Amino acid sequence: MPLLLIAGCTVCTERMVDETTSPDHTWTTRTTGRDCGEHAVPTMNVYLQRADSHSRLGEIVVLVRNAHQLHITWKSSKEVQVDCPQCGSDVRIARPNAHGITISVSR
């Protein structure tokens, strides 16, 4: 007798929620929100990429579990500050330094 396997598909949606540009207009951060349905925890990612890049997203520098309000500030062309006073342990830095740019998080 043949075995029938049925795999459920989860459709995730990802949307851009914010974008910032460095003071020298060389780098951008892009923040996305990802939702995979009622049984999955939503996440947010902050990506860093060159401003002149044509790729959709760069590399992840900050990961956030659950949906939170983030405020991203370029302190200089080489330093990005991510503020999330409600995040607590939901936020973590994936890369504290990328391409010579320091990424810091305050909770």
PDB file of N, CA and C in Angstrom:
ATOM      1  N   MET A   1       0.843  -1.170   0.000  1.00  0.00           N
ATOM      2  CA  MET A   1       0.000   0.000   0.000  1.00  0.00           C
ATOM      3  C   MET A   1       0.892   1.237   0.000  1.00  0.00           C
ATOM      4  N   PRO A   2       0.653   2.187  -0.902  1.00  0.00           N
ATOM      5  CA  PRO A   2       1.486   3.386  -0.966  1.00  0.00           C
ATOM      6  C   PRO A   2       1.240   4.291   0.247  1.00  0.00           C
ATOM      7  N   LEU A   3       2.296   5.005   0.608  1.00  0.00           N
ATOM      8  CA  LEU A   3       2.226   5.948   1.713  1.00  0.00           C
ATOM      9  C   LEU A   3       1.991   7.338   1.149  1.00  0.00           C
ATOM     10  N   LEU A   4       1.014   7.985   1.645  1.00  0.00           N
ATOM     11  CA  LEU A   4       0.676   9.331   1.178  1.00  0.00           C
ATOM     12  C   LEU A   4       1.133  10.330   2.226  1.00  0.00           C
ATOM     13  N   LEU A   5       2.005  11.236   1.818  1.00  0.00           N
ATOM     14  CA  LEU A   5       2.483  12.294   2.711  1.00  0.00           C
ATOM     15  C   LEU A   5       1.907  13.621   2.265  1.00  0.00           C
ATOM     16  N   ILE A   6       1.381  14.318   3.197  1.00  0.00           N
ATOM     17  CA  ILE A   6       0.848  15.650   2.900  1.00  0.00           C
ATOM     18  C   ILE A   6       1.608  16.637   3.762  1.00  0.00           C
ATOM     19  N   ALA A   7       2.264  17.535   3.122  1.00  0.00           N
ATOM     20  CA  ALA A   7       3.040  18.553   3.836  1.00  0.00           C
ATOM     21  C   ALA A   7       2.295  19.875   3.759  1.00  0.00           C
ATOM     22  N   GLY A   8       2.155  20.506   4.888  1.00  0.00           N
ATOM     23  CA  GLY A   8       1.494  21.804   4.920  1.00  0.00           C
ATOM     24  C   GLY A   8       2.468  22.905   4.533  1.00  0.00           C
ATOM     25  N   CYS A   9       1.988  23.871   3.858  1.00  0.00           N
ATOM     26  CA  CYS A   9       2.813  25.001   3.453  1.00  0.00           C
ATOM     27  C   CYS A   9       2.482  26.202   4.324  1.00  0.00           C
ATOM     28  N   THR A  10       3.497  26.880   4.735  1.00  0.00           N
ATOM     29  CA  THR A  10       3.309  28.121   5.474  1.00  0.00           C
ATOM     30  C   THR A  10       3.712  29.266   4.559  1.00  0.00           C
ATOM     31  N   VAL A  11       2.805  30.172   4.371  1.00  0.00           N
ATOM     32  CA  VAL A  11       3.097  31.328   3.540  1.00  0.00           C
ATOM     33  C   VAL A  11       3.494  32.474   4.466  1.00  0.00           C
ATOM     34  N   CYS A  12       4.688  32.964   4.247  1.00  0.00           N
ATOM     35  CA  CYS A  12       5.193  34.073   5.050  1.00  0.00           C
ATOM     36  C   CYS A  12       5.115  35.358   4.224  1.00  0.00           C
ATOM     37  N   THR A  13       4.865  36.435   4.899  1.00  0.00           N
ATOM     38  CA  THR A  13       4.907  37.738   4.248  1.00  0.00           C
ATOM     39  C   THR A  13       6.038  38.544   4.887  1.00  0.00           C
ATOM     40  N   GLU A  14       6.732  39.265   4.062  1.00  0.00           N
ATOM     41  CA  GLU A  14       7.805  40.129   4.532  1.00  0.00           C
ATOM     42  C   GLU A  14       7.595  41.501   3.916  1.00  0.00           C
ATOM     43  N   ARG A  15       7.669  42.521   4.758  1.00  0.00           N
ATOM     44  CA  ARG A  15       7.444  43.865   4.254  1.00  0.00           C
ATOM     45  C   ARG A  15       8.519  44.802   4.790  1.00  0.00           C
ATOM     46  N   MET A  16       8.852  45.783   3.983  1.00  0.00           N
ATOM     47  CA  MET A  16       9.812  46.801   4.380  1.00  0.00           C
ATOM     48  C   MET A  16       9.091  47.774   5.308  1.00  0.00           C
ATOM     49  N   VAL A  17       9.679  48.031   6.484  1.00  0.00           N
ATOM     50  CA  VAL A  17       9.050  48.950   7.424  1.00  0.00           C
ATOM     51  C   VAL A  17       9.843  50.235   7.639  1.00  0.00           C
ATOM     52  N   ASP A  18      11.134  50.220   7.249  1.00  0.00           N
ATOM     53  CA  ASP A  18      11.928  51.434   7.439  1.00  0.00           C
ATOM     54  C   ASP A  18      13.199  51.349   6.602  1.00  0.00           C
ATOM     55  N   GLU A  19      13.725  52.501   6.246  1.00  0.00           N
ATOM     56  CA  GLU A  19      14.996  52.581   5.533  1.00  0.00           C
ATOM     57  C   GLU A  19      15.690  53.865   5.968  1.00  0.00           C
ATOM     58  N   THR A  20      16.985  53.770   6.260  1.00  0.00           N
ATOM     59  CA  THR A  20      17.774  54.952   6.613  1.00  0.00           C
ATOM     60  C   THR A  20      19.027  54.978   5.748  1.00  0.00           C
ATOM     61  N   THR A  21      19.598  56.150   5.591  1.00  0.00           N
ATOM     62  CA  THR A  21      20.809  56.306   4.779  1.00  0.00           C
ATOM     63  C   THR A  21      21.879  57.002   5.607  1.00  0.00           C
ATOM     64  N   SER A  22      23.118  56.542   5.462  1.00  0.00           N
ATOM     65  CA  SER A  22      24.232  57.129   6.199  1.00  0.00           C
ATOM     66  C   SER A  22      24.433  58.594   5.789  1.00  0.00           C
ATOM     67  N   PRO A  23      25.045  59.389   6.667  1.00  0.00           N
ATOM     68  CA  PRO A  23      25.271  60.808   6.350  1.00  0.00           C
ATOM     69  C   PRO A  23      26.050  61.036   5.058  1.00  0.00           C
ATOM     70  N   ASP A  24      26.943  60.102   4.701  1.00  0.00           N
ATOM     71  CA  ASP A  24      27.706  60.267   3.453  1.00  0.00           C
ATOM     72  C   ASP A  24      27.013  59.603   2.255  1.00  0.00           C
ATOM     73  N   HIS A  25      25.813  59.099   2.456  1.00  0.00           N
ATOM     74  CA  HIS A  25      24.977  58.482   1.414  1.00  0.00           C
ATOM     75  C   HIS A  25      25.611  57.245   0.777  1.00  0.00           C
ATOM     76  N   THR A  26      26.490  56.567   1.524  1.00  0.00           N
ATOM     77  CA  THR A  26      27.164  55.377   1.015  1.00  0.00           C
ATOM     78  C   THR A  26      26.458  54.089   1.427  1.00  0.00           C
ATOM     79  N   TRP A  27      25.856  54.067   2.607  1.00  0.00           N
ATOM     80  CA  TRP A  27      25.230  52.863   3.166  1.00  0.00           C
ATOM     81  C   TRP A  27      23.768  53.115   3.525  1.00  0.00           C
ATOM     82  N   THR A  28      22.986  52.054   3.537  1.00  0.00           N
ATOM     83  CA  THR A  28      21.598  52.135   3.996  1.00  0.00           C
ATOM     84  C   THR A  28      21.324  50.996   4.967  1.00  0.00           C
ATOM     85  N   THR A  29      20.362  51.240   5.847  1.00  0.00           N
ATOM     86  CA  THR A  29      19.785  50.151   6.629  1.00  0.00           C
ATOM     87  C   THR A  29      18.379  49.972   6.110  1.00  0.00           C
ATOM     88  N   ARG A  30      17.957  48.740   6.048  1.00  0.00           N
ATOM     89  CA  ARG A  30      16.581  48.428   5.685  1.00  0.00           C
ATOM     90  C   ARG A  30      16.025  47.493   6.742  1.00  0.00           C
ATOM     91  N   THR A  31      14.880  47.852   7.275  1.00  0.00           N
ATOM     92  CA  THR A  31      14.242  47.043   8.309  1.00  0.00           C
ATOM     93  C   THR A  31      13.020  46.376   7.713  1.00  0.00           C
ATOM     94  N   THR A  32      12.922  45.064   7.915  1.00  0.00           N
ATOM     95  CA  THR A  32      11.772  44.316   7.416  1.00  0.00           C
ATOM     96  C   THR A  32      11.048  43.644   8.575  1.00  0.00           C
ATOM     97  N   GLY A  33       9.759  43.451   8.385  1.00  0.00           N
ATOM     98  CA  GLY A  33       8.945  42.674   9.310  1.00  0.00           C
ATOM     99  C   GLY A  33       8.500  41.415   8.600  1.00  0.00           C
ATOM    100  N   ARG A  34       8.606  40.272   9.270  1.00  0.00           N
ATOM    101  CA  ARG A  34       8.256  38.988   8.665  1.00  0.00           C
ATOM    102  C   ARG A  34       7.200  38.313   9.527  1.00  0.00           C
ATOM    103  N   ASP A  35       6.118  37.861   8.882  1.00  0.00           N
ATOM    104  CA  ASP A  35       5.023  37.197   9.580  1.00  0.00           C
ATOM    105  C   ASP A  35       4.687  35.903   8.842  1.00  0.00           C
ATOM    106  N   CYS A  36       4.704  34.795   9.574  1.00  0.00           N
ATOM    107  CA  CYS A  36       4.431  33.485   8.971  1.00  0.00           C
ATOM    108  C   CYS A  36       3.159  32.859   9.526  1.00  0.00           C
ATOM    109  N   GLY A  37       2.230  33.676   9.980  1.00  0.00           N
ATOM    110  CA  GLY A  37       0.947  33.151  10.429  1.00  0.00           C
ATOM    111  C   GLY A  37       0.800  33.135  11.934  1.00  0.00           C
ATOM    112  N   GLU A  38      -0.374  32.737  12.370  1.00  0.00           N
ATOM    113  CA  GLU A  38      -0.723  32.844  13.782  1.00  0.00           C
ATOM    114  C   GLU A  38       0.061  31.918  14.702  1.00  0.00           C
ATOM    115  N   HIS A  39       0.633  30.848  14.183  1.00  0.00           N
ATOM    116  CA  HIS A  39       1.369  29.914  15.035  1.00  0.00           C
ATOM    117  C   HIS A  39       2.879  30.148  15.026  1.00  0.00           C
ATOM    118  N   ALA A  40       3.321  31.176  14.350  1.00  0.00           N
ATOM    119  CA  ALA A  40       4.749  31.497  14.277  1.00  0.00           C
ATOM    120  C   ALA A  40       5.008  32.852  14.924  1.00  0.00           C
ATOM    121  N   VAL A  41       6.186  33.008  15.455  1.00  0.00           N
ATOM    122  CA  VAL A  41       6.574  34.268  16.075  1.00  0.00           C
ATOM    123  C   VAL A  41       7.024  35.229  14.978  1.00  0.00           C
ATOM    124  N   PRO A  42       6.444  36.427  14.922  1.00  0.00           N
ATOM    125  CA  PRO A  42       6.907  37.400  13.925  1.00  0.00           C
ATOM    126  C   PRO A  42       8.329  37.849  14.254  1.00  0.00           C
ATOM    127  N   THR A  43       9.054  38.234  13.226  1.00  0.00           N
ATOM    128  CA  THR A  43      10.419  38.701  13.421  1.00  0.00           C
ATOM    129  C   THR A  43      10.653  39.980  12.636  1.00  0.00           C
ATOM    130  N   MET A  44      11.701  40.672  13.028  1.00  0.00           N
ATOM    131  CA  MET A  44      12.142  41.858  12.309  1.00  0.00           C
ATOM    132  C   MET A  44      13.644  41.717  12.092  1.00  0.00           C
ATOM    133  N   ASN A  45      14.124  42.178  10.954  1.00  0.00           N
ATOM    134  CA  ASN A  45      15.548  42.139  10.639  1.00  0.00           C
ATOM    135  C   ASN A  45      15.992  43.514  10.166  1.00  0.00           C
ATOM    136  N   VAL A  46      17.182  43.906  10.582  1.00  0.00           N
ATOM    137  CA  VAL A  46      17.795  45.131  10.086  1.00  0.00           C
ATOM    138  C   VAL A  46      18.962  44.698   9.196  1.00  0.00           C
ATOM    139  N   TYR A  47      18.917  45.136   7.956  1.00  0.00           N
ATOM    140  CA  TYR A  47      19.937  44.806   6.964  1.00  0.00           C
ATOM    141  C   TYR A  47      20.815  46.024   6.715  1.00  0.00           C
ATOM    142  N   LEU A  48      22.081  45.772   6.380  1.00  0.00           N
ATOM    143  CA  LEU A  48      23.009  46.826   5.988  1.00  0.00           C
ATOM    144  C   LEU A  48      23.465  46.532   4.568  1.00  0.00           C
ATOM    145  N   GLN A  49      23.421  47.538   3.725  1.00  0.00           N
ATOM    146  CA  GLN A  49      23.912  47.346   2.358  1.00  0.00           C
ATOM    147  C   GLN A  49      24.372  48.676   1.782  1.00  0.00           C
ATOM    148  N   ARG A  50      25.176  48.591   0.748  1.00  0.00           N
ATOM    149  CA  ARG A  50      25.624  49.802   0.061  1.00  0.00           C
ATOM    150  C   ARG A  50      24.403  50.499  -0.535  1.00  0.00           C
ATOM    151  N   ALA A  51      24.400  51.793  -0.490  1.00  0.00           N
ATOM    152  CA  ALA A  51      23.264  52.572  -0.992  1.00  0.00           C
ATOM    153  C   ALA A  51      23.079  52.403  -2.491  1.00  0.00           C
ATOM    154  N   ASP A  52      24.170  52.164  -3.223  1.00  0.00           N
ATOM    155  CA  ASP A  52      24.059  52.016  -4.671  1.00  0.00           C
ATOM    156  C   ASP A  52      23.821  50.570  -5.112  1.00  0.00           C
ATOM    157  N   SER A  53      23.580  49.676  -4.149  1.00  0.00           N
ATOM    158  CA  SER A  53      23.356  48.267  -4.465  1.00  0.00           C
ATOM    159  C   SER A  53      21.969  48.067  -5.065  1.00  0.00           C
ATOM    160  N   HIS A  54      21.912  47.210  -6.055  1.00  0.00           N
ATOM    161  CA  HIS A  54      20.624  46.914  -6.682  1.00  0.00           C
ATOM    162  C   HIS A  54      20.007  45.631  -6.138  1.00  0.00           C
ATOM    163  N   SER A  55      20.703  44.968  -5.217  1.00  0.00           N
ATOM    164  CA  SER A  55      20.132  43.761  -4.625  1.00  0.00           C
ATOM    165  C   SER A  55      19.021  44.154  -3.659  1.00  0.00           C
ATOM    166  N   ARG A  56      18.106  43.243  -3.471  1.00  0.00           N
ATOM    167  CA  ARG A  56      16.932  43.520  -2.642  1.00  0.00           C
ATOM    168  C   ARG A  56      17.313  43.872  -1.211  1.00  0.00           C
ATOM    169  N   LEU A  57      18.127  43.038  -0.579  1.00  0.00           N
ATOM    170  CA  LEU A  57      18.529  43.295   0.795  1.00  0.00           C
ATOM    171  C   LEU A  57      19.995  42.929   0.964  1.00  0.00           C
ATOM    172  N   GLY A  58      20.656  43.591   1.890  1.00  0.00           N
ATOM    173  CA  GLY A  58      22.057  43.308   2.167  1.00  0.00           C
ATOM    174  C   GLY A  58      22.205  42.190   3.179  1.00  0.00           C
ATOM    175  N   GLU A  59      23.084  42.391   4.160  1.00  0.00           N
ATOM    176  CA  GLU A  59      23.289  41.370   5.173  1.00  0.00           C
ATOM    177  C   GLU A  59      22.625  41.781   6.485  1.00  0.00           C
ATOM    178  N   ILE A  60      22.132  40.788   7.210  1.00  0.00           N
ATOM    179  CA  ILE A  60      21.439  41.045   8.472  1.00  0.00           C
ATOM    180  C   ILE A  60      22.462  41.452   9.527  1.00  0.00           C
ATOM    181  N   VAL A  61      22.198  42.578  10.209  1.00  0.00           N
ATOM    182  CA  VAL A  61      23.075  43.022  11.287  1.00  0.00           C
ATOM    183  C   VAL A  61      22.371  42.995  12.644  1.00  0.00           C
ATOM    184  N   VAL A  62      21.037  43.090  12.656  1.00  0.00           N
ATOM    185  CA  VAL A  62      20.267  43.026  13.902  1.00  0.00           C
ATOM    186  C   VAL A  62      19.047  42.147  13.676  1.00  0.00           C
ATOM    187  N   LEU A  63      18.785  41.262  14.647  1.00  0.00           N
ATOM    188  CA  LEU A  63      17.624  40.376  14.614  1.00  0.00           C
ATOM    189  C   LEU A  63      16.708  40.709  15.783  1.00  0.00           C
ATOM    190  N   VAL A  64      15.402  40.741  15.522  1.00  0.00           N
ATOM    191  CA  VAL A  64      14.438  41.048  16.576  1.00  0.00           C
ATOM    192  C   VAL A  64      13.329  40.006  16.535  1.00  0.00           C
ATOM    193  N   ARG A  65      13.085  39.394  17.678  1.00  0.00           N
ATOM    194  CA  ARG A  65      11.990  38.444  17.818  1.00  0.00           C
ATOM    195  C   ARG A  65      10.756  39.237  18.244  1.00  0.00           C
ATOM    196  N   ASN A  66       9.645  38.970  17.626  1.00  0.00           N
ATOM    197  CA  ASN A  66       8.385  39.701  17.840  1.00  0.00           C
ATOM    198  C   ASN A  66       8.451  41.057  17.134  1.00  0.00           C
ATOM    199  N   ALA A  67       7.321  41.678  16.996  1.00  0.00           N
ATOM    200  CA  ALA A  67       7.242  42.978  16.330  1.00  0.00           C
ATOM    201  C   ALA A  67       7.410  44.088  17.369  1.00  0.00           C
ATOM    202  N   HIS A  68       8.379  44.935  17.153  1.00  0.00           N
ATOM    203  CA  HIS A  68       8.668  46.048  18.052  1.00  0.00           C
ATOM    204  C   HIS A  68       8.882  47.307  17.224  1.00  0.00           C
ATOM    205  N   GLN A  69       8.769  48.435  17.877  1.00  0.00           N
ATOM    206  CA  GLN A  69       9.059  49.709  17.245  1.00  0.00           C
ATOM    207  C   GLN A  69      10.556  49.974  17.359  1.00  0.00           C
ATOM    208  N   LEU A  70      11.248  50.031  16.231  1.00  0.00           N
ATOM    209  CA  LEU A  70      12.678  50.314  16.210  1.00  0.00           C
ATOM    210  C   LEU A  70      12.913  51.738  15.732  1.00  0.00           C
ATOM    211  N   HIS A  71      13.930  52.354  16.276  1.00  0.00           N
ATOM    212  CA  HIS A  71      14.346  53.675  15.810  1.00  0.00           C
ATOM    213  C   HIS A  71      15.833  53.579  15.472  1.00  0.00           C
ATOM    214  N   ILE A  72      16.180  53.787  14.210  1.00  0.00           N
ATOM    215  CA  ILE A  72      17.561  53.645  13.754  1.00  0.00           C
ATOM    216  C   ILE A  72      18.134  55.023  13.440  1.00  0.00           C
ATOM    217  N   THR A  73      19.297  55.283  14.027  1.00  0.00           N
ATOM    218  CA  THR A  73      19.967  56.568  13.854  1.00  0.00           C
ATOM    219  C   THR A  73      21.405  56.329  13.420  1.00  0.00           C
ATOM    220  N   TRP A  74      21.837  57.064  12.407  1.00  0.00           N
ATOM    221  CA  TRP A  74      23.246  57.065  12.020  1.00  0.00           C
ATOM    222  C   TRP A  74      23.929  58.116  12.880  1.00  0.00           C
ATOM    223  N   LYS A  75      24.789  57.686  13.806  1.00  0.00           N
ATOM    224  CA  LYS A  75      25.540  58.614  14.661  1.00  0.00           C
ATOM    225  C   LYS A  75      26.640  59.295  13.849  1.00  0.00           C
ATOM    226  N   SER A  76      27.152  58.569  12.843  1.00  0.00           N
ATOM    227  CA  SER A  76      28.140  59.078  11.895  1.00  0.00           C
ATOM    228  C   SER A  76      28.085  58.142  10.694  1.00  0.00           C
ATOM    229  N   SER A  77      28.940  58.363   9.724  1.00  0.00           N
ATOM    230  CA  SER A  77      28.963  57.482   8.550  1.00  0.00           C
ATOM    231  C   SER A  77      29.500  56.093   8.881  1.00  0.00           C
ATOM    232  N   LYS A  78      30.043  55.922  10.072  1.00  0.00           N
ATOM    233  CA  LYS A  78      30.629  54.642  10.487  1.00  0.00           C
ATOM    234  C   LYS A  78      29.987  54.057  11.742  1.00  0.00           C
ATOM    235  N   GLU A  79      28.839  54.609  12.169  1.00  0.00           N
ATOM    236  CA  GLU A  79      28.197  54.100  13.384  1.00  0.00           C
ATOM    237  C   GLU A  79      26.673  54.210  13.288  1.00  0.00           C
ATOM    238  N   VAL A  80      26.020  53.063  13.514  1.00  0.00           N
ATOM    239  CA  VAL A  80      24.549  52.992  13.501  1.00  0.00           C
ATOM    240  C   VAL A  80      24.062  52.605  14.889  1.00  0.00           C
ATOM    241  N   GLN A  81      23.062  53.321  15.384  1.00  0.00           N
ATOM    242  CA  GLN A  81      22.455  53.036  16.683  1.00  0.00           C
ATOM    243  C   GLN A  81      21.022  52.562  16.456  1.00  0.00           C
ATOM    244  N   VAL A  82      20.687  51.391  16.990  1.00  0.00           N
ATOM    245  CA  VAL A  82      19.324  50.856  16.914  1.00  0.00           C
ATOM    246  C   VAL A  82      18.728  50.954  18.314  1.00  0.00           C
ATOM    247  N   ASP A  83      17.679  51.743  18.461  1.00  0.00           N
ATOM    248  CA  ASP A  83      16.999  51.907  19.751  1.00  0.00           C
ATOM    249  C   ASP A  83      15.708  51.106  19.740  1.00  0.00           C
ATOM    250  N   CYS A  84      15.531  50.304  20.782  1.00  0.00           N
ATOM    251  CA  CYS A  84      14.298  49.527  20.940  1.00  0.00           C
ATOM    252  C   CYS A  84      14.017  49.359  22.426  1.00  0.00           C
ATOM    253  N   PRO A  85      13.425  50.369  23.049  1.00  0.00           N
ATOM    254  CA  PRO A  85      13.217  50.325  24.500  1.00  0.00           C
ATOM    255  C   PRO A  85      12.282  49.200  24.958  1.00  0.00           C
ATOM    256  N   GLN A  86      11.449  48.681  24.081  1.00  0.00           N
ATOM    257  CA  GLN A  86      10.516  47.615  24.457  1.00  0.00           C
ATOM    258  C   GLN A  86      11.044  46.217  24.139  1.00  0.00           C
ATOM    259  N   CYS A  87      12.186  46.109  23.501  1.00  0.00           N
ATOM    260  CA  CYS A  87      12.688  44.812  23.022  1.00  0.00           C
ATOM    261  C   CYS A  87      13.160  43.867  24.114  1.00  0.00           C
ATOM    262  N   GLY A  88      13.863  44.378  25.118  1.00  0.00           N
ATOM    263  CA  GLY A  88      14.421  43.490  26.137  1.00  0.00           C
ATOM    264  C   GLY A  88      15.308  42.445  25.492  1.00  0.00           C
ATOM    265  N   SER A  89      15.070  41.179  25.817  1.00  0.00           N
ATOM    266  CA  SER A  89      15.895  40.092  25.282  1.00  0.00           C
ATOM    267  C   SER A  89      15.473  39.661  23.873  1.00  0.00           C
ATOM    268  N   ASP A  90      14.471  40.316  23.290  1.00  0.00           N
ATOM    269  CA  ASP A  90      14.018  39.973  21.938  1.00  0.00           C
ATOM    270  C   ASP A  90      14.980  40.440  20.845  1.00  0.00           C
ATOM    271  N   VAL A  91      15.937  41.292  21.186  1.00  0.00           N
ATOM    272  CA  VAL A  91      16.834  41.842  20.171  1.00  0.00           C
ATOM    273  C   VAL A  91      18.251  41.309  20.367  1.00  0.00           C
ATOM    274  N   ARG A  92      18.917  41.050  19.240  1.00  0.00           N
ATOM    275  CA  ARG A  92      20.330  40.679  19.323  1.00  0.00           C
ATOM    276  C   ARG A  92      21.057  41.201  18.099  1.00  0.00           C
ATOM    277  N   ILE A  93      22.316  41.518  18.310  1.00  0.00           N
ATOM    278  CA  ILE A  93      23.158  41.993  17.220  1.00  0.00           C
ATOM    279  C   ILE A  93      23.740  40.772  16.517  1.00  0.00           C
ATOM    280  N   ALA A  94      23.476  40.650  15.242  1.00  0.00           N
ATOM    281  CA  ALA A  94      24.035  39.553  14.456  1.00  0.00           C
ATOM    282  C   ALA A  94      25.469  39.869  14.053  1.00  0.00           C
ATOM    283  N   ARG A  95      25.731  41.132  13.769  1.00  0.00           N
ATOM    284  CA  ARG A  95      27.080  41.589  13.387  1.00  0.00           C
ATOM    285  C   ARG A  95      27.327  42.932  14.061  1.00  0.00           C
ATOM    286  N   PRO A  96      28.180  42.986  15.082  1.00  0.00           N
ATOM    287  CA  PRO A  96      28.453  44.262  15.742  1.00  0.00           C
ATOM    288  C   PRO A  96      29.302  45.212  14.901  1.00  0.00           C
ATOM    289  N   ASN A  97      29.939  44.655  13.870  1.00  0.00           N
ATOM    290  CA  ASN A  97      30.737  45.476  12.973  1.00  0.00           C
ATOM    291  C   ASN A  97      30.652  44.858  11.581  1.00  0.00           C
ATOM    292  N   ALA A  98      30.223  45.640  10.630  1.00  0.00           N
ATOM    293  CA  ALA A  98      30.124  45.159   9.246  1.00  0.00           C
ATOM    294  C   ALA A  98      30.624  46.255   8.318  1.00  0.00           C
ATOM    295  N   HIS A  99      31.559  45.910   7.456  1.00  0.00           N
ATOM    296  CA  HIS A  99      32.105  46.851   6.471  1.00  0.00           C
ATOM    297  C   HIS A  99      32.686  48.095   7.133  1.00  0.00           C
ATOM    298  N   GLY A 100      33.244  47.925   8.338  1.00  0.00           N
ATOM    299  CA  GLY A 100      33.825  49.053   9.044  1.00  0.00           C
ATOM    300  C   GLY A 100      32.808  49.928   9.756  1.00  0.00           C
ATOM    301  N   ILE A 101      31.560  49.499   9.775  1.00  0.00           N
ATOM    302  CA  ILE A 101      30.491  50.253  10.447  1.00  0.00           C
ATOM    303  C   ILE A 101      30.126  49.536  11.737  1.00  0.00           C
ATOM    304  N   THR A 102      30.144  50.278  12.841  1.00  0.00           N
ATOM    305  CA  THR A 102      29.789  49.728  14.135  1.00  0.00           C
ATOM    306  C   THR A 102      28.286  49.781  14.323  1.00  0.00           C
ATOM    307  N   ILE A 103      27.698  48.661  14.724  1.00  0.00           N
ATOM    308  CA  ILE A 103      26.254  48.584  14.970  1.00  0.00           C
ATOM    309  C   ILE A 103      26.060  48.374  16.464  1.00  0.00           C
ATOM    310  N   SER A 104      25.294  49.245  17.097  1.00  0.00           N
ATOM    311  CA  SER A 104      25.013  49.101  18.524  1.00  0.00           C
ATOM    312  C   SER A 104      23.510  49.140  18.763  1.00  0.00           C
ATOM    313  N   VAL A 105      23.091  48.525  19.859  1.00  0.00           N
ATOM    314  CA  VAL A 105      21.668  48.438  20.195  1.00  0.00           C
ATOM    315  C   VAL A 105      21.469  48.922  21.619  1.00  0.00           C
ATOM    316  N   SER A 106      20.467  49.729  21.819  1.00  0.00           N
ATOM    317  CA  SER A 106      20.055  50.094  23.182  1.00  0.00           C
ATOM    318  C   SER A 106      18.645  49.588  23.391  1.00  0.00           C
ATOM    319  N   ARG A 107      18.420  49.070  24.589  1.00  0.00           N
ATOM    320  CA  ARG A 107      17.109  48.480  24.915  1.00  0.00           C
ATOM    321  C   ARG A 107      16.372  49.387  25.854  1.00  0.00           C
TER     322      ARG A 107
END
